Amino acid sequence: MANDLTKNPWVVDTASATAILSDWADVRSIQWIGGAIAGDEAVVQDKDGRVIWRRLAGGANQNFETEFEGRFGMPVNGLKVPTLTSGTIYIRFNRGE
């Protein structure tokens, strides 16, 4: 399956060092479903490589979700997912749908 960046939330299942968003956006939540085994990792960075969200599975089939508080969520300058060893990341924005 390929990343689906056409709806809110974005569905990211393929890691890449290339930015999937190049401008500013307000992230409301990030969810990772399917850390298949202990040691699996998911990393979301801004376009400059600063880590904005990282999770490491401590066991099989773990799911993680972070909701960012505040009126606008968490403003980020671009996004990329350079590490995703298993599962799918859902990124929900404070815009549209």
N, C-alpha and C. Protein backbone atom coordinates (compact mmCIF):
# COMPACT_ATOMS: atom_id res chain seq x y z
N MET A 1 0.84 -1.18 0.00
CA MET A 1 0.00 0.00 0.00
C MET A 1 0.89 1.25 0.00
N ALA A 2 0.39 2.31 -0.54
CA ALA A 2 1.16 3.55 -0.60
C ALA A 2 0.57 4.57 0.37
N ASN A 3 1.37 5.56 0.72
CA ASN A 3 0.87 6.63 1.58
C ASN A 3 -0.35 7.28 0.92
N ASP A 4 -1.33 7.67 1.75
CA ASP A 4 -2.51 8.39 1.27
C ASP A 4 -2.54 9.74 1.96
N LEU A 5 -2.15 10.78 1.22
CA LEU A 5 -2.07 12.13 1.77
C LEU A 5 -3.22 12.99 1.23
N THR A 6 -4.30 12.36 0.81
CA THR A 6 -5.41 13.08 0.19
C THR A 6 -6.54 13.38 1.16
N LYS A 7 -6.56 12.75 2.32
CA LYS A 7 -7.64 12.93 3.28
C LYS A 7 -7.07 13.25 4.65
N ASN A 8 -7.93 13.63 5.55
CA ASN A 8 -7.54 13.92 6.92
C ASN A 8 -8.19 12.86 7.80
N PRO A 9 -7.44 11.94 8.39
CA PRO A 9 -6.00 11.96 8.60
C PRO A 9 -5.21 11.42 7.41
N TRP A 10 -3.95 11.84 7.34
CA TRP A 10 -3.04 11.24 6.39
C TRP A 10 -2.72 9.83 6.86
N VAL A 11 -2.54 8.92 5.92
CA VAL A 11 -2.20 7.54 6.21
C VAL A 11 -0.79 7.30 5.65
N VAL A 12 0.15 7.06 6.54
CA VAL A 12 1.55 6.89 6.14
C VAL A 12 1.98 5.47 6.51
N ASP A 13 2.33 4.68 5.50
CA ASP A 13 2.80 3.32 5.77
C ASP A 13 4.15 3.04 5.11
N THR A 14 4.76 4.10 4.54
CA THR A 14 6.05 3.96 3.88
C THR A 14 6.99 5.05 4.38
N ALA A 15 8.10 4.65 4.97
CA ALA A 15 9.08 5.62 5.46
C ALA A 15 9.86 6.22 4.30
N SER A 16 10.26 7.49 4.48
CA SER A 16 11.07 8.17 3.47
C SER A 16 11.75 9.36 4.11
N ALA A 17 12.97 9.64 3.69
CA ALA A 17 13.70 10.82 4.16
C ALA A 17 13.21 12.08 3.46
N THR A 18 12.37 11.92 2.45
CA THR A 18 11.82 13.06 1.71
C THR A 18 10.59 13.60 2.45
N ALA A 19 10.49 14.92 2.53
CA ALA A 19 9.35 15.54 3.20
C ALA A 19 8.05 15.24 2.45
N ILE A 20 7.01 14.89 3.22
CA ILE A 20 5.69 14.67 2.63
C ILE A 20 4.83 15.93 2.76
N LEU A 21 5.33 16.90 3.51
CA LEU A 21 4.70 18.21 3.65
C LEU A 21 5.83 19.22 3.71
N SER A 22 5.75 20.28 2.92
CA SER A 22 6.86 21.23 2.89
C SER A 22 6.54 22.58 3.51
N ASP A 23 5.29 22.81 3.92
CA ASP A 23 4.96 24.09 4.53
C ASP A 23 4.42 23.89 5.94
N TRP A 24 3.96 24.98 6.55
CA TRP A 24 3.46 24.94 7.92
C TRP A 24 2.09 24.29 7.98
N ALA A 25 1.85 23.54 9.06
CA ALA A 25 0.54 22.95 9.31
C ALA A 25 0.40 22.74 10.82
N ASP A 26 -0.84 22.61 11.26
CA ASP A 26 -1.12 22.34 12.66
C ASP A 26 -1.54 20.89 12.82
N VAL A 27 -0.72 20.11 13.51
CA VAL A 27 -1.00 18.70 13.72
C VAL A 27 -1.85 18.55 14.98
N ARG A 28 -2.98 17.89 14.86
CA ARG A 28 -3.86 17.65 16.00
C ARG A 28 -3.50 16.35 16.73
N SER A 29 -3.16 15.29 15.96
CA SER A 29 -2.80 14.03 16.60
C SER A 29 -1.95 13.18 15.67
N ILE A 30 -1.17 12.30 16.28
CA ILE A 30 -0.39 11.29 15.55
C ILE A 30 -0.68 9.96 16.22
N GLN A 31 -1.03 8.98 15.41
CA GLN A 31 -1.33 7.65 15.91
C GLN A 31 -0.52 6.63 15.12
N TRP A 32 0.08 5.68 15.83
CA TRP A 32 0.82 4.60 15.19
C TRP A 32 0.14 3.30 15.59
N ILE A 33 -0.30 2.56 14.60
CA ILE A 33 -0.96 1.29 14.83
C ILE A 33 -0.10 0.18 14.24
N GLY A 34 0.25 -0.76 15.09
CA GLY A 34 0.92 -1.94 14.58
C GLY A 34 2.41 -2.03 14.79
N GLY A 35 2.91 -1.60 15.95
CA GLY A 35 4.29 -1.91 16.28
C GLY A 35 4.37 -3.42 16.45
N ALA A 36 4.79 -4.14 15.41
CA ALA A 36 4.62 -5.59 15.35
C ALA A 36 5.41 -6.36 16.39
N ILE A 37 6.64 -5.92 16.67
CA ILE A 37 7.46 -6.62 17.65
C ILE A 37 8.20 -5.60 18.52
N ALA A 38 8.67 -6.05 19.66
CA ALA A 38 9.46 -5.17 20.52
C ALA A 38 10.65 -4.63 19.73
N GLY A 39 10.87 -3.34 19.86
CA GLY A 39 11.98 -2.71 19.15
C GLY A 39 11.58 -2.00 17.87
N ASP A 40 10.35 -2.25 17.37
CA ASP A 40 9.89 -1.50 16.20
C ASP A 40 9.80 -0.03 16.58
N GLU A 41 10.02 0.83 15.59
CA GLU A 41 10.10 2.26 15.87
C GLU A 41 9.36 3.07 14.81
N ALA A 42 8.78 4.18 15.25
CA ALA A 42 8.16 5.15 14.35
C ALA A 42 8.67 6.54 14.72
N VAL A 43 9.12 7.30 13.71
CA VAL A 43 9.66 8.64 13.94
C VAL A 43 9.03 9.60 12.94
N VAL A 44 8.55 10.75 13.46
CA VAL A 44 8.04 11.83 12.61
C VAL A 44 8.92 13.05 12.90
N GLN A 45 9.40 13.67 11.84
CA GLN A 45 10.27 14.85 11.98
C GLN A 45 9.67 16.01 11.22
N ASP A 46 10.13 17.24 11.55
CA ASP A 46 9.79 18.36 10.69
C ASP A 46 10.69 18.29 9.46
N LYS A 47 10.50 19.19 8.51
CA LYS A 47 11.26 19.09 7.26
C LYS A 47 12.76 19.33 7.44
N ASP A 48 13.15 19.93 8.59
CA ASP A 48 14.56 20.18 8.87
C ASP A 48 15.20 19.05 9.67
N GLY A 49 14.45 17.99 9.94
CA GLY A 49 15.00 16.83 10.62
C GLY A 49 14.86 16.82 12.13
N ARG A 50 14.17 17.81 12.70
CA ARG A 50 13.94 17.81 14.14
C ARG A 50 12.84 16.81 14.48
N VAL A 51 13.08 15.94 15.44
CA VAL A 51 12.10 14.94 15.83
C VAL A 51 10.95 15.63 16.56
N ILE A 52 9.73 15.41 16.07
CA ILE A 52 8.55 15.97 16.74
C ILE A 52 7.73 14.88 17.41
N TRP A 53 7.97 13.63 17.04
CA TRP A 53 7.24 12.49 17.64
C TRP A 53 8.02 11.22 17.37
N ARG A 54 8.21 10.42 18.43
CA ARG A 54 8.95 9.17 18.30
C ARG A 54 8.40 8.17 19.29
N ARG A 55 8.20 6.95 18.83
CA ARG A 55 7.74 5.88 19.71
C ARG A 55 8.53 4.61 19.40
N LEU A 56 8.76 3.84 20.45
CA LEU A 56 9.48 2.58 20.34
C LEU A 56 8.60 1.52 20.99
N ALA A 57 8.26 0.49 20.23
CA ALA A 57 7.39 -0.57 20.74
C ALA A 57 8.14 -1.40 21.77
N GLY A 58 7.50 -1.60 22.92
CA GLY A 58 8.09 -2.42 23.97
C GLY A 58 7.64 -3.86 23.91
N GLY A 59 6.70 -4.15 23.03
CA GLY A 59 6.18 -5.50 22.89
C GLY A 59 5.46 -5.62 21.56
N ALA A 60 4.85 -6.76 21.34
CA ALA A 60 4.16 -7.02 20.06
C ALA A 60 2.82 -6.28 19.99
N ASN A 61 2.49 -5.86 18.78
CA ASN A 61 1.18 -5.28 18.46
C ASN A 61 0.79 -4.10 19.35
N GLN A 62 1.72 -3.21 19.58
CA GLN A 62 1.42 -2.03 20.38
C GLN A 62 0.92 -0.89 19.50
N ASN A 63 0.02 -0.10 20.05
CA ASN A 63 -0.52 1.08 19.38
C ASN A 63 -0.25 2.29 20.25
N PHE A 64 0.06 3.42 19.62
CA PHE A 64 0.35 4.64 20.34
C PHE A 64 -0.43 5.78 19.71
N GLU A 65 -0.91 6.71 20.54
CA GLU A 65 -1.56 7.90 20.01
C GLU A 65 -1.24 9.09 20.90
N THR A 66 -0.94 10.22 20.27
CA THR A 66 -0.69 11.46 20.97
C THR A 66 -1.60 12.52 20.39
N GLU A 67 -2.38 13.16 21.26
CA GLU A 67 -3.20 14.30 20.86
C GLU A 67 -2.50 15.55 21.38
N PHE A 68 -2.32 16.52 20.50
CA PHE A 68 -1.62 17.74 20.87
C PHE A 68 -2.64 18.77 21.33
N GLU A 69 -2.40 19.32 22.51
CA GLU A 69 -3.35 20.23 23.13
C GLU A 69 -3.20 21.63 22.59
N GLY A 70 -4.14 22.45 22.96
CA GLY A 70 -4.13 23.83 22.53
C GLY A 70 -5.08 24.05 21.38
N ARG A 71 -5.37 25.26 21.13
CA ARG A 71 -6.35 25.63 20.12
C ARG A 71 -5.98 25.13 18.73
N PHE A 72 -4.70 25.18 18.42
CA PHE A 72 -4.27 24.82 17.07
C PHE A 72 -3.48 23.52 17.01
N GLY A 73 -3.38 22.79 18.10
CA GLY A 73 -2.56 21.59 18.09
C GLY A 73 -1.09 21.96 18.13
N MET A 74 -0.30 21.27 17.36
CA MET A 74 1.14 21.53 17.33
C MET A 74 1.53 22.03 15.94
N PRO A 75 1.96 23.30 15.84
CA PRO A 75 2.42 23.79 14.54
C PRO A 75 3.76 23.16 14.17
N VAL A 76 3.85 22.70 12.93
CA VAL A 76 5.08 22.10 12.43
C VAL A 76 5.43 22.71 11.08
N ASN A 77 6.72 22.82 10.82
CA ASN A 77 7.20 23.34 9.55
C ASN A 77 7.63 22.17 8.68
N GLY A 78 6.66 21.59 7.98
CA GLY A 78 6.93 20.43 7.14
C GLY A 78 6.91 19.15 7.95
N LEU A 79 6.80 18.03 7.23
CA LEU A 79 6.76 16.72 7.89
C LEU A 79 7.45 15.67 7.03
N LYS A 80 8.11 14.74 7.71
CA LYS A 80 8.60 13.55 7.04
C LYS A 80 8.59 12.40 8.05
N VAL A 81 8.52 11.20 7.54
CA VAL A 81 8.52 9.99 8.37
C VAL A 81 9.72 9.14 7.91
N PRO A 82 10.90 9.42 8.49
CA PRO A 82 12.09 8.71 8.03
C PRO A 82 12.22 7.29 8.58
N THR A 83 11.49 6.98 9.67
CA THR A 83 11.57 5.65 10.26
C THR A 83 10.17 5.14 10.55
N LEU A 84 9.86 3.98 9.99
CA LEU A 84 8.61 3.28 10.27
C LEU A 84 8.87 1.80 9.99
N THR A 85 9.23 1.07 11.05
CA THR A 85 9.65 -0.32 10.86
C THR A 85 8.48 -1.28 10.71
N SER A 86 7.28 -0.86 11.09
CA SER A 86 6.09 -1.68 10.90
C SER A 86 4.85 -0.82 11.09
N GLY A 87 3.72 -1.32 10.64
CA GLY A 87 2.46 -0.66 10.89
C GLY A 87 2.21 0.58 10.06
N THR A 88 1.29 1.41 10.57
CA THR A 88 0.80 2.59 9.85
C THR A 88 0.70 3.76 10.81
N ILE A 89 1.08 4.94 10.33
CA ILE A 89 0.94 6.17 11.10
C ILE A 89 -0.21 6.97 10.50
N TYR A 90 -1.07 7.49 11.40
CA TYR A 90 -2.17 8.37 11.00
C TYR A 90 -1.89 9.75 11.57
N ILE A 91 -1.82 10.75 10.70
CA ILE A 91 -1.54 12.12 11.11
C ILE A 91 -2.78 12.96 10.81
N ARG A 92 -3.39 13.48 11.87
CA ARG A 92 -4.60 14.29 11.74
C ARG A 92 -4.23 15.77 11.91
N PHE A 93 -4.76 16.59 11.01
CA PHE A 93 -4.47 18.02 11.01
C PHE A 93 -5.70 18.82 11.47
N ASN A 94 -5.45 20.02 11.94
CA ASN A 94 -6.51 20.96 12.27
C ASN A 94 -6.85 21.78 11.04
N ARG A 95 -7.38 21.11 10.04
CA ARG A 95 -7.80 21.80 8.82
C ARG A 95 -8.70 20.85 8.03
N GLY A 96 -9.51 21.40 7.20
CA GLY A 96 -10.35 20.58 6.34
C GLY A 96 -11.19 19.59 7.09
N GLU A 97 -11.68 18.64 6.42
CA GLU A 97 -12.52 17.54 6.91
C GLU A 97 -12.61 17.51 8.39
